[in-house]
Amino acid sequence: MLKQLITTRLYNATPNEVVSYSHEYQVPINHKQATMLLDFIKQNKIDPFSEKDRLKTFKYIEQKIGSQEAKQASELLYRLAKQYNVDDWL
Protein backbone atom coordinates (compact mmCIF):
# COMPACT_ATOMS: atom_id res chain seq x y z
CA MET A 1 0.00 0.00 0.00
CA LEU A 2 2.83 2.42 0.80
CA LYS A 3 4.46 1.70 -2.56
CA GLN A 4 1.21 2.60 -4.30
CA LEU A 5 0.98 5.84 -2.30
CA ILE A 6 4.54 6.79 -3.27
CA THR A 7 3.92 6.01 -6.93
CA THR A 8 0.68 7.99 -6.93
CA ARG A 9 2.46 10.92 -5.31
CA LEU A 10 5.15 10.78 -8.00
CA TYR A 11 2.59 10.78 -10.80
CA ASN A 12 0.74 13.73 -9.24
CA ALA A 13 3.83 15.85 -8.65
CA THR A 14 3.92 19.25 -10.32
CA PRO A 15 6.92 20.91 -11.98
CA ASN A 16 6.88 23.57 -9.26
CA GLU A 17 7.15 20.88 -6.58
CA VAL A 18 10.05 19.23 -8.39
CA VAL A 19 11.86 22.57 -8.68
CA SER A 20 11.22 23.25 -5.00
CA TYR A 21 12.62 19.86 -4.01
CA SER A 22 15.56 20.37 -6.35
CA HIS A 23 16.49 23.55 -4.49
CA GLU A 24 15.95 21.91 -1.11
CA TYR A 25 18.23 18.98 -1.97
CA GLN A 26 20.68 20.93 -4.16
CA VAL A 27 19.98 19.10 -7.41
CA PRO A 28 19.54 22.02 -9.81
CA ILE A 29 16.56 21.59 -12.14
CA ASN A 30 14.59 24.40 -13.75
CA HIS A 31 10.86 24.46 -14.46
CA LYS A 32 11.22 23.37 -18.10
CA GLN A 33 13.46 20.44 -17.12
CA ALA A 34 11.06 19.42 -14.34
CA THR A 35 8.18 19.44 -16.81
CA MET A 36 10.17 17.30 -19.26
CA LEU A 37 11.12 14.86 -16.50
CA LEU A 38 7.56 14.47 -15.22
CA ASP A 39 6.29 14.02 -18.78
CA PHE A 40 8.90 11.30 -19.31
CA ILE A 41 7.93 9.53 -16.09
CA LYS A 42 4.22 9.60 -16.95
CA GLN A 43 4.58 8.70 -20.64
CA ASN A 44 6.89 5.78 -19.87
CA LYS A 45 4.86 4.63 -16.84
CA ILE A 46 8.01 4.61 -14.72
CA ASP A 47 7.84 2.40 -11.64
CA PRO A 48 10.15 3.99 -9.03
CA PHE A 49 10.65 0.57 -7.42
CA SER A 50 11.91 -1.05 -10.63
CA GLU A 51 15.69 -0.91 -11.03
CA LYS A 52 15.27 -1.02 -14.81
CA ASP A 53 12.90 1.98 -14.74
CA ARG A 54 15.12 3.94 -12.35
CA LEU A 55 18.14 3.39 -14.60
CA LYS A 56 16.07 4.44 -17.61
CA THR A 57 15.06 7.62 -15.76
CA PHE A 58 18.60 8.46 -14.65
CA LYS A 59 19.81 7.93 -18.22
CA TYR A 60 17.10 10.32 -19.42
CA ILE A 61 18.18 12.89 -16.82
CA GLU A 62 21.78 12.49 -17.91
CA GLN A 63 20.90 13.05 -21.58
CA LYS A 64 18.39 15.87 -21.17
CA ILE A 65 19.53 17.70 -18.02
CA GLY A 66 23.12 16.71 -17.28
CA SER A 67 25.35 13.94 -16.01
CA GLN A 68 26.10 15.67 -12.71
CA GLU A 69 22.39 16.12 -12.04
CA ALA A 70 21.71 12.45 -12.85
CA LYS A 71 24.42 11.38 -10.42
CA GLN A 72 23.07 13.71 -7.72
CA ALA A 73 19.51 12.52 -8.27
CA SER A 74 20.58 8.89 -7.97
CA GLU A 75 22.54 9.55 -4.77
CA LEU A 76 19.64 11.53 -3.33
CA LEU A 77 17.13 8.77 -4.04
CA TYR A 78 19.23 6.19 -2.19
CA ARG A 79 19.95 8.59 0.68
CA LEU A 80 16.24 9.35 1.14
CA ALA A 81 15.29 5.67 0.86
CA LYS A 82 17.80 4.84 3.58
CA GLN A 83 16.61 7.75 5.74
CA TYR A 84 13.02 6.47 5.58
CA ASN A 85 14.05 2.81 5.98
CA VAL A 86 12.75 1.76 2.58
CA ASP A 87 16.13 1.20 0.95
CA ASP A 88 15.38 -2.52 0.67
CA TRP A 89 12.59 -1.57 -1.78
CA LEU A 90 15.21 -0.33 -4.22
PDB file of N, CA and C in Angstrom:
ATOM      1  N   MET A   1       0.813  -1.184   0.000  1.00  0.00           N
ATOM      2  CA  MET A   1       0.000   0.000   0.000  1.00  0.00           C
ATOM      3  C   MET A   1       0.867   1.262   0.000  1.00  0.00           C
ATOM      4  N   LEU A   2       1.948   1.255   0.750  1.00  0.00           N
ATOM      5  CA  LEU A   2       2.827   2.416   0.797  1.00  0.00           C
ATOM      6  C   LEU A   2       3.504   2.648  -0.549  1.00  0.00           C
ATOM      7  N   LYS A   3       3.862   1.573  -1.227  1.00  0.00           N
ATOM      8  CA  LYS A   3       4.463   1.702  -2.558  1.00  0.00           C
ATOM      9  C   LYS A   3       3.482   2.381  -3.516  1.00  0.00           C
ATOM     10  N   GLN A   4       2.229   2.002  -3.434  1.00  0.00           N
ATOM     11  CA  GLN A   4       1.215   2.604  -4.301  1.00  0.00           C
ATOM     12  C   GLN A   4       1.054   4.092  -3.976  1.00  0.00           C
ATOM     13  N   LEU A   5       1.087   4.441  -2.719  1.00  0.00           N
ATOM     14  CA  LEU A   5       0.980   5.837  -2.304  1.00  0.00           C
ATOM     15  C   LEU A   5       2.150   6.652  -2.857  1.00  0.00           C
ATOM     16  N   ILE A   6       3.352   6.107  -2.762  1.00  0.00           N
ATOM     17  CA  ILE A   6       4.542   6.793  -3.267  1.00  0.00           C
ATOM     18  C   ILE A   6       4.454   6.971  -4.778  1.00  0.00           C
ATOM     19  N   THR A   7       4.044   5.926  -5.475  1.00  0.00           N
ATOM     20  CA  THR A   7       3.923   6.005  -6.930  1.00  0.00           C
ATOM     21  C   THR A   7       2.859   7.019  -7.331  1.00  0.00           C
ATOM     22  N   THR A   8       1.743   7.021  -6.647  1.00  0.00           N
ATOM     23  CA  THR A   8       0.683   7.988  -6.930  1.00  0.00           C
ATOM     24  C   THR A   8       1.179   9.406  -6.693  1.00  0.00           C
ATOM     25  N   ARG A   9       1.912   9.593  -5.617  1.00  0.00           N
ATOM     26  CA  ARG A   9       2.460  10.922  -5.309  1.00  0.00           C
ATOM     27  C   ARG A   9       3.411  11.381  -6.408  1.00  0.00           C
ATOM     28  N   LEU A  10       4.229  10.465  -6.909  1.00  0.00           N
ATOM     29  CA  LEU A  10       5.150  10.775  -7.995  1.00  0.00           C
ATOM     30  C   LEU A  10       4.391  11.217  -9.242  1.00  0.00           C
ATOM     31  N   TYR A  11       3.356  10.482  -9.587  1.00  0.00           N
ATOM     32  CA  TYR A  11       2.588  10.781 -10.796  1.00  0.00           C
ATOM     33  C   TYR A  11       1.760  12.059 -10.662  1.00  0.00           C
ATOM     34  N   ASN A  12       1.508  12.503  -9.452  1.00  0.00           N
ATOM     35  CA  ASN A  12       0.742  13.731  -9.241  1.00  0.00           C
ATOM     36  C   ASN A  12       1.621  14.934  -8.925  1.00  0.00           C
ATOM     37  N   ALA A  13       2.915  14.747  -8.933  1.00  0.00           N
ATOM     38  CA  ALA A  13       3.834  15.854  -8.652  1.00  0.00           C
ATOM     39  C   ALA A  13       3.732  16.906  -9.760  1.00  0.00           C
ATOM     40  N   THR A  14       3.937  18.145  -9.362  1.00  0.00           N
ATOM     41  CA  THR A  14       3.925  19.249 -10.322  1.00  0.00           C
ATOM     42  C   THR A  14       5.359  19.705 -10.589  1.00  0.00           C
ATOM     43  N   PRO A  15       5.583  20.368 -11.716  1.00  0.00           N
ATOM     44  CA  PRO A  15       6.918  20.907 -11.976  1.00  0.00           C
ATOM     45  C   PRO A  15       7.396  21.854 -10.872  1.00  0.00           C
ATOM     46  N   ASN A  16       6.491  22.655 -10.343  1.00  0.00           N
ATOM     47  CA  ASN A  16       6.883  23.575  -9.262  1.00  0.00           C
ATOM     48  C   ASN A  16       7.367  22.815  -8.029  1.00  0.00           C
ATOM     49  N   GLU A  17       6.715  21.694  -7.719  1.00  0.00           N
ATOM     50  CA  GLU A  17       7.154  20.880  -6.578  1.00  0.00           C
ATOM     51  C   GLU A  17       8.542  20.289  -6.837  1.00  0.00           C
ATOM     52  N   VAL A  18       8.753  19.811  -8.052  1.00  0.00           N
ATOM     53  CA  VAL A  18      10.054  19.230  -8.391  1.00  0.00           C
ATOM     54  C   VAL A  18      11.146  20.289  -8.274  1.00  0.00           C
ATOM     55  N   VAL A  19      10.880  21.478  -8.775  1.00  0.00           N
ATOM     56  CA  VAL A  19      11.859  22.569  -8.676  1.00  0.00           C
ATOM     57  C   VAL A  19      12.119  22.914  -7.214  1.00  0.00           C
ATOM     58  N   SER A  20      11.070  22.966  -6.425  1.00  0.00           N
ATOM     59  CA  SER A  20      11.216  23.253  -4.998  1.00  0.00           C
ATOM     60  C   SER A  20      12.089  22.203  -4.311  1.00  0.00           C
ATOM     61  N   TYR A  21      11.802  20.933  -4.585  1.00  0.00           N
ATOM     62  CA  TYR A  21      12.619  19.860  -4.013  1.00  0.00           C
ATOM     63  C   TYR A  21      14.052  19.924  -4.527  1.00  0.00           C
ATOM     64  N   SER A  22      14.212  20.299  -5.787  1.00  0.00           N
ATOM     65  CA  SER A  22      15.559  20.367  -6.347  1.00  0.00           C
ATOM     66  C   SER A  22      16.397  21.416  -5.614  1.00  0.00           C
ATOM     67  N   HIS A  23      15.770  22.515  -5.261  1.00  0.00           N
ATOM     68  CA  HIS A  23      16.493  23.546  -4.492  1.00  0.00           C
ATOM     69  C   HIS A  23      16.786  23.051  -3.077  1.00  0.00           C
ATOM     70  N   GLU A  24      15.800  22.416  -2.480  1.00  0.00           N
ATOM     71  CA  GLU A  24      15.950  21.912  -1.107  1.00  0.00           C
ATOM     72  C   GLU A  24      17.089  20.900  -1.004  1.00  0.00           C
ATOM     73  N   TYR A  25      17.222  20.048  -2.015  1.00  0.00           N
ATOM     74  CA  TYR A  25      18.229  18.980  -1.971  1.00  0.00           C
ATOM     75  C   TYR A  25      19.429  19.251  -2.873  1.00  0.00           C
ATOM     76  N   GLN A  26      19.549  20.483  -3.358  1.00  0.00           N
ATOM     77  CA  GLN A  26      20.685  20.934  -4.165  1.00  0.00           C
ATOM     78  C   GLN A  26      20.952  20.073  -5.399  1.00  0.00           C
ATOM     79  N   VAL A  27      19.882  19.750  -6.107  1.00  0.00           N
ATOM     80  CA  VAL A  27      19.983  19.097  -7.412  1.00  0.00           C
ATOM     81  C   VAL A  27      19.325  20.068  -8.388  1.00  0.00           C
ATOM     82  N   PRO A  28      20.116  20.927  -9.028  1.00  0.00           N
ATOM     83  CA  PRO A  28      19.539  22.023  -9.814  1.00  0.00           C
ATOM     84  C   PRO A  28      18.748  21.558 -11.043  1.00  0.00           C
ATOM     85  N   ILE A  29      17.447  21.879 -11.019  1.00  0.00           N
ATOM     86  CA  ILE A  29      16.556  21.587 -12.143  1.00  0.00           C
ATOM     87  C   ILE A  29      15.635  22.797 -12.303  1.00  0.00           C
ATOM     88  N   ASN A  30      15.500  23.274 -13.525  1.00  0.00           N
ATOM     89  CA  ASN A  30      14.594  24.401 -13.747  1.00  0.00           C
ATOM     90  C   ASN A  30      13.193  23.893 -14.092  1.00  0.00           C
ATOM     91  N   HIS A  31      12.266  24.817 -14.236  1.00  0.00           N
ATOM     92  CA  HIS A  31      10.859  24.461 -14.460  1.00  0.00           C
ATOM     93  C   HIS A  31      10.684  23.666 -15.751  1.00  0.00           C
ATOM     94  N   LYS A  32      11.334  24.076 -16.815  1.00  0.00           N
ATOM     95  CA  LYS A  32      11.220  23.372 -18.098  1.00  0.00           C
ATOM     96  C   LYS A  32      11.750  21.939 -17.973  1.00  0.00           C
ATOM     97  N   GLN A  33      12.880  21.770 -17.310  1.00  0.00           N
ATOM     98  CA  GLN A  33      13.459  20.443 -17.118  1.00  0.00           C
ATOM     99  C   GLN A  33      12.555  19.575 -16.245  1.00  0.00           C
ATOM    100  N   ALA A  34      11.974  20.164 -15.210  1.00  0.00           N
ATOM    101  CA  ALA A  34      11.062  19.420 -14.335  1.00  0.00           C
ATOM    102  C   ALA A  34       9.841  18.949 -15.114  1.00  0.00           C
ATOM    103  N   THR A  35       9.324  19.802 -15.980  1.00  0.00           N
ATOM    104  CA  THR A  35       8.180  19.438 -16.810  1.00  0.00           C
ATOM    105  C   THR A  35       8.547  18.283 -17.740  1.00  0.00           C
ATOM    106  N   MET A  36       9.708  18.370 -18.375  1.00  0.00           N
ATOM    107  CA  MET A  36      10.168  17.298 -19.261  1.00  0.00           C
ATOM    108  C   MET A  36      10.325  15.986 -18.497  1.00  0.00           C
ATOM    109  N   LEU A  37      10.902  16.057 -17.308  1.00  0.00           N
ATOM    110  CA  LEU A  37      11.118  14.864 -16.503  1.00  0.00           C
ATOM    111  C   LEU A  37       9.797  14.214 -16.094  1.00  0.00           C
ATOM    112  N   LEU A  38       8.866  15.016 -15.627  1.00  0.00           N
ATOM    113  CA  LEU A  38       7.564  14.466 -15.224  1.00  0.00           C
ATOM    114  C   LEU A  38       6.812  13.887 -16.419  1.00  0.00           C
ATOM    115  N   ASP A  39       6.916  14.554 -17.564  1.00  0.00           N
ATOM    116  CA  ASP A  39       6.287  14.015 -18.782  1.00  0.00           C
ATOM    117  C   ASP A  39       6.895  12.659 -19.136  1.00  0.00           C
ATOM    118  N   PHE A  40       8.213  12.555 -19.034  1.00  0.00           N
ATOM    119  CA  PHE A  40       8.904  11.304 -19.313  1.00  0.00           C
ATOM    120  C   PHE A  40       8.430  10.200 -18.371  1.00  0.00           C
ATOM    121  N   ILE A  41       8.348  10.514 -17.094  1.00  0.00           N
ATOM    122  CA  ILE A  41       7.926   9.531 -16.087  1.00  0.00           C
ATOM    123  C   ILE A  41       6.513   9.042 -16.371  1.00  0.00           C
ATOM    124  N   LYS A  42       5.625   9.969 -16.697  1.00  0.00           N
ATOM    125  CA  LYS A  42       4.225   9.600 -16.946  1.00  0.00           C
ATOM    126  C   LYS A  42       4.059   8.858 -18.269  1.00  0.00           C
ATOM    127  N   GLN A  43       4.711   9.337 -19.323  1.00  0.00           N
ATOM    128  CA  GLN A  43       4.580   8.701 -20.636  1.00  0.00           C
ATOM    129  C   GLN A  43       5.156   7.287 -20.646  1.00  0.00           C
ATOM    130  N   ASN A  44       6.224   7.082 -19.880  1.00  0.00           N
ATOM    131  CA  ASN A  44       6.892   5.782 -19.865  1.00  0.00           C
ATOM    132  C   ASN A  44       6.422   4.898 -18.717  1.00  0.00           C
ATOM    133  N   LYS A  45       5.436   5.395 -17.964  1.00  0.00           N
ATOM    134  CA  LYS A  45       4.865   4.631 -16.842  1.00  0.00           C
ATOM    135  C   LYS A  45       5.975   4.070 -15.944  1.00  0.00           C
ATOM    136  N   ILE A  46       6.857   4.980 -15.533  1.00  0.00           N
ATOM    137  CA  ILE A  46       8.007   4.607 -14.721  1.00  0.00           C
ATOM    138  C   ILE A  46       7.554   4.112 -13.351  1.00  0.00           C
ATOM    139  N   ASP A  47       8.071   2.967 -12.966  1.00  0.00           N
ATOM    140  CA  ASP A  47       7.841   2.402 -11.637  1.00  0.00           C
ATOM    141  C   ASP A  47       9.090   2.731 -10.813  1.00  0.00           C
ATOM    142  N   PRO A  48       8.968   3.594  -9.801  1.00  0.00           N
ATOM    143  CA  PRO A  48      10.153   3.988  -9.034  1.00  0.00           C
ATOM    144  C   PRO A  48      10.798   2.840  -8.265  1.00  0.00           C
ATOM    145  N   PHE A  49      10.116   1.715  -8.160  1.00  0.00           N
ATOM    146  CA  PHE A  49      10.651   0.573  -7.425  1.00  0.00           C
ATOM    147  C   PHE A  49      11.302  -0.458  -8.349  1.00  0.00           C
ATOM    148  N   SER A  50      11.285  -0.173  -9.637  1.00  0.00           N
ATOM    149  CA  SER A  50      11.911  -1.046 -10.631  1.00  0.00           C
ATOM    150  C   SER A  50      13.306  -0.515 -10.945  1.00  0.00           C
ATOM    151  N   GLU A  51      14.315  -1.343 -10.739  1.00  0.00           N
ATOM    152  CA  GLU A  51      15.688  -0.914 -11.030  1.00  0.00           C
ATOM    153  C   GLU A  51      15.830  -0.525 -12.505  1.00  0.00           C
ATOM    154  N   LYS A  52      15.217  -1.296 -13.374  1.00  0.00           N
ATOM    155  CA  LYS A  52      15.265  -1.016 -14.814  1.00  0.00           C
ATOM    156  C   LYS A  52      14.682   0.371 -15.111  1.00  0.00           C
ATOM    157  N   ASP A  53      13.541   0.685 -14.519  1.00  0.00           N
ATOM    158  CA  ASP A  53      12.901   1.984 -14.743  1.00  0.00           C
ATOM    159  C   ASP A  53      13.708   3.130 -14.132  1.00  0.00           C
ATOM    160  N   ARG A  54      14.289   2.892 -12.960  1.00  0.00           N
ATOM    161  CA  ARG A  54      15.119   3.943 -12.354  1.00  0.00           C
ATOM    162  C   ARG A  54      16.331   4.238 -13.229  1.00  0.00           C
ATOM    163  N   LEU A  55      16.985   3.197 -13.724  1.00  0.00           N
ATOM    164  CA  LEU A  55      18.145   3.395 -14.598  1.00  0.00           C
ATOM    165  C   LEU A  55      17.749   4.125 -15.875  1.00  0.00           C
ATOM    166  N   LYS A  56      16.599   3.770 -16.413  1.00  0.00           N
ATOM    167  CA  LYS A  56      16.074   4.437 -17.607  1.00  0.00           C
ATOM    168  C   LYS A  56      15.851   5.932 -17.320  1.00  0.00           C
ATOM    169  N   THR A  57      15.328   6.229 -16.146  1.00  0.00           N
ATOM    170  CA  THR A  57      15.063   7.618 -15.762  1.00  0.00           C
ATOM    171  C   THR A  57      16.363   8.385 -15.554  1.00  0.00           C
ATOM    172  N   PHE A  58      17.330   7.781 -14.871  1.00  0.00           N
ATOM    173  CA  PHE A  58      18.599   8.464 -14.649  1.00  0.00           C
ATOM    174  C   PHE A  58      19.350   8.692 -15.964  1.00  0.00           C
ATOM    175  N   LYS A  59      19.208   7.766 -16.902  1.00  0.00           N
ATOM    176  CA  LYS A  59      19.814   7.931 -18.223  1.00  0.00           C
ATOM    177  C   LYS A  59      19.147   9.108 -18.942  1.00  0.00           C
ATOM    178  N   TYR A  60      17.833   9.202 -18.818  1.00  0.00           N
ATOM    179  CA  TYR A  60      17.100  10.319 -19.417  1.00  0.00           C
ATOM    180  C   TYR A  60      17.577  11.642 -18.807  1.00  0.00           C
ATOM    181  N   ILE A  61      17.704  11.674 -17.495  1.00  0.00           N
ATOM    182  CA  ILE A  61      18.175  12.889 -16.824  1.00  0.00           C
ATOM    183  C   ILE A  61      19.572  13.247 -17.327  1.00  0.00           C
ATOM    184  N   GLU A  62      20.421  12.253 -17.443  1.00  0.00           N
ATOM    185  CA  GLU A  62      21.785  12.488 -17.914  1.00  0.00           C
ATOM    186  C   GLU A  62      21.783  13.093 -19.320  1.00  0.00           C
ATOM    187  N   GLN A  63      20.949  12.580 -20.198  1.00  0.00           N
ATOM    188  CA  GLN A  63      20.905  13.053 -21.584  1.00  0.00           C
ATOM    189  C   GLN A  63      20.247  14.420 -21.721  1.00  0.00           C
ATOM    190  N   LYS A  64      19.186  14.650 -20.977  1.00  0.00           N
ATOM    191  CA  LYS A  64      18.392  15.872 -21.174  1.00  0.00           C
ATOM    192  C   LYS A  64      18.735  17.010 -20.210  1.00  0.00           C
ATOM    193  N   ILE A  65      19.270  16.668 -19.038  1.00  0.00           N
ATOM    194  CA  ILE A  65      19.531  17.699 -18.023  1.00  0.00           C
ATOM    195  C   ILE A  65      21.021  17.810 -17.742  1.00  0.00           C
ATOM    196  N   GLY A  66      21.681  16.693 -17.510  1.00  0.00           N
ATOM    197  CA  GLY A  66      23.123  16.715 -17.280  1.00  0.00           C
ATOM    198  C   GLY A  66      23.580  15.517 -16.476  1.00  0.00           C
ATOM    199  N   SER A  67      24.820  15.127 -16.699  1.00  0.00           N
ATOM    200  CA  SER A  67      25.345  13.937 -16.012  1.00  0.00           C
ATOM    201  C   SER A  67      25.522  14.174 -14.517  1.00  0.00           C
ATOM    202  N   GLN A  68      25.932  15.370 -14.136  1.00  0.00           N
ATOM    203  CA  GLN A  68      26.097  15.673 -12.709  1.00  0.00           C
ATOM    204  C   GLN A  68      24.745  15.608 -11.994  1.00  0.00           C
ATOM    205  N   GLU A  69      23.722  16.134 -12.635  1.00  0.00           N
ATOM    206  CA  GLU A  69      22.386  16.115 -12.042  1.00  0.00           C
ATOM    207  C   GLU A  69      21.856  14.688 -11.922  1.00  0.00           C
ATOM    208  N   ALA A  70      22.141  13.850 -12.915  1.00  0.00           N
ATOM    209  CA  ALA A  70      21.715  12.447 -12.853  1.00  0.00           C
ATOM    210  C   ALA A  70      22.397  11.744 -11.689  1.00  0.00           C
ATOM    211  N   LYS A  71      23.676  11.997 -11.527  1.00  0.00           N
ATOM    212  CA  LYS A  71      24.416  11.379 -10.420  1.00  0.00           C
ATOM    213  C   LYS A  71      23.865  11.861  -9.076  1.00  0.00           C
ATOM    214  N   GLN A  72      23.621  13.159  -8.960  1.00  0.00           N
ATOM    215  CA  GLN A  72      23.075  13.715  -7.720  1.00  0.00           C
ATOM    216  C   GLN A  72      21.686  13.154  -7.424  1.00  0.00           C
ATOM    217  N   ALA A  73      20.863  13.040  -8.452  1.00  0.00           N
ATOM    218  CA  ALA A  73      19.506  12.515  -8.265  1.00  0.00           C
ATOM    219  C   ALA A  73      19.550  11.062  -7.796  1.00  0.00           C
ATOM    220  N   SER A  74      20.438  10.288  -8.370  1.00  0.00           N
ATOM    221  CA  SER A  74      20.585   8.891  -7.967  1.00  0.00           C
ATOM    222  C   SER A  74      21.035   8.785  -6.515  1.00  0.00           C
ATOM    223  N   GLU A  75      22.041   9.555  -6.155  1.00  0.00           N
ATOM    224  CA  GLU A  75      22.540   9.546  -4.773  1.00  0.00           C
ATOM    225  C   GLU A  75      21.458  10.003  -3.804  1.00  0.00           C
ATOM    226  N   LEU A  76      20.709  11.021  -4.187  1.00  0.00           N
ATOM    227  CA  LEU A  76      19.641  11.532  -3.333  1.00  0.00           C
ATOM    228  C   LEU A  76      18.559  10.486  -3.112  1.00  0.00           C
ATOM    229  N   LEU A  77      18.161   9.801  -4.168  1.00  0.00           N
ATOM    230  CA  LEU A  77      17.134   8.771  -4.039  1.00  0.00           C
ATOM    231  C   LEU A  77      17.547   7.722  -3.013  1.00  0.00           C
ATOM    232  N   TYR A  78      18.778   7.245  -3.110  1.00  0.00           N
ATOM    233  CA  TYR A  78      19.230   6.192  -2.192  1.00  0.00           C
ATOM    234  C   TYR A  78      19.409   6.726  -0.769  1.00  0.00           C
ATOM    235  N   ARG A  79      19.832   7.979  -0.651  1.00  0.00           N
ATOM    236  CA  ARG A  79      19.951   8.590   0.680  1.00  0.00           C
ATOM    237  C   ARG A  79      18.579   8.707   1.343  1.00  0.00           C
ATOM    238  N   LEU A  80      17.592   9.192   0.590  1.00  0.00           N
ATOM    239  CA  LEU A  80      16.240   9.347   1.136  1.00  0.00           C
ATOM    240  C   LEU A  80      15.615   7.994   1.464  1.00  0.00           C
ATOM    241  N   ALA A  81      15.831   7.006   0.589  1.00  0.00           N
ATOM    242  CA  ALA A  81      15.292   5.669   0.857  1.00  0.00           C
ATOM    243  C   ALA A  81      15.866   5.113   2.150  1.00  0.00           C
ATOM    244  N   LYS A  82      17.156   5.319   2.350  1.00  0.00           N
ATOM    245  CA  LYS A  82      17.795   4.836   3.585  1.00  0.00           C
ATOM    246  C   LYS A  82      17.259   5.601   4.798  1.00  0.00           C
ATOM    247  N   GLN A  83      17.108   6.912   4.649  1.00  0.00           N
ATOM    248  CA  GLN A  83      16.611   7.752   5.739  1.00  0.00           C
ATOM    249  C   GLN A  83      15.225   7.298   6.193  1.00  0.00           C
ATOM    250  N   TYR A  84      14.387   6.882   5.254  1.00  0.00           N
ATOM    251  CA  TYR A  84      13.025   6.467   5.576  1.00  0.00           C
ATOM    252  C   TYR A  84      12.877   4.944   5.705  1.00  0.00           C
ATOM    253  N   ASN A  85      14.009   4.262   5.787  1.00  0.00           N
ATOM    254  CA  ASN A  85      14.046   2.806   5.982  1.00  0.00           C
ATOM    255  C   ASN A  85      13.280   2.024   4.924  1.00  0.00           C
ATOM    256  N   VAL A  86      13.369   2.483   3.686  1.00  0.00           N
ATOM    257  CA  VAL A  86      12.748   1.759   2.580  1.00  0.00           C
ATOM    258  C   VAL A  86      13.797   1.409   1.513  1.00  0.00           C
ATOM    259  N   ASP A  87      15.067   1.456   1.904  1.00  0.00           N
ATOM    260  CA  ASP A  87      16.133   1.198   0.953  1.00  0.00           C
ATOM    261  C   ASP A  87      16.096  -0.243   0.428  1.00  0.00           C
ATOM    262  N   ASP A  88      15.502  -1.145   1.169  1.00  0.00           N
ATOM    263  CA  ASP A  88      15.379  -2.525   0.668  1.00  0.00           C
ATOM    264  C   ASP A  88      14.360  -2.621  -0.460  1.00  0.00           C
ATOM    265  N   TRP A  89      13.540  -1.592  -0.678  1.00  0.00           N
ATOM    266  CA  TRP A  89      12.590  -1.569  -1.782  1.00  0.00           C
ATOM    267  C   TRP A  89      13.284  -1.259  -3.100  1.00  0.00           C
ATOM    268  N   LEU A  90      14.489  -0.699  -3.001  1.00  0.00           N
ATOM    269  CA  LEU A  90      15.208  -0.329  -4.215  1.00  0.00           C
ATOM    270  C   LEU A  90      16.140  -1.426  -4.564  1.00  0.00           C
TER     271      LEU A  90
END
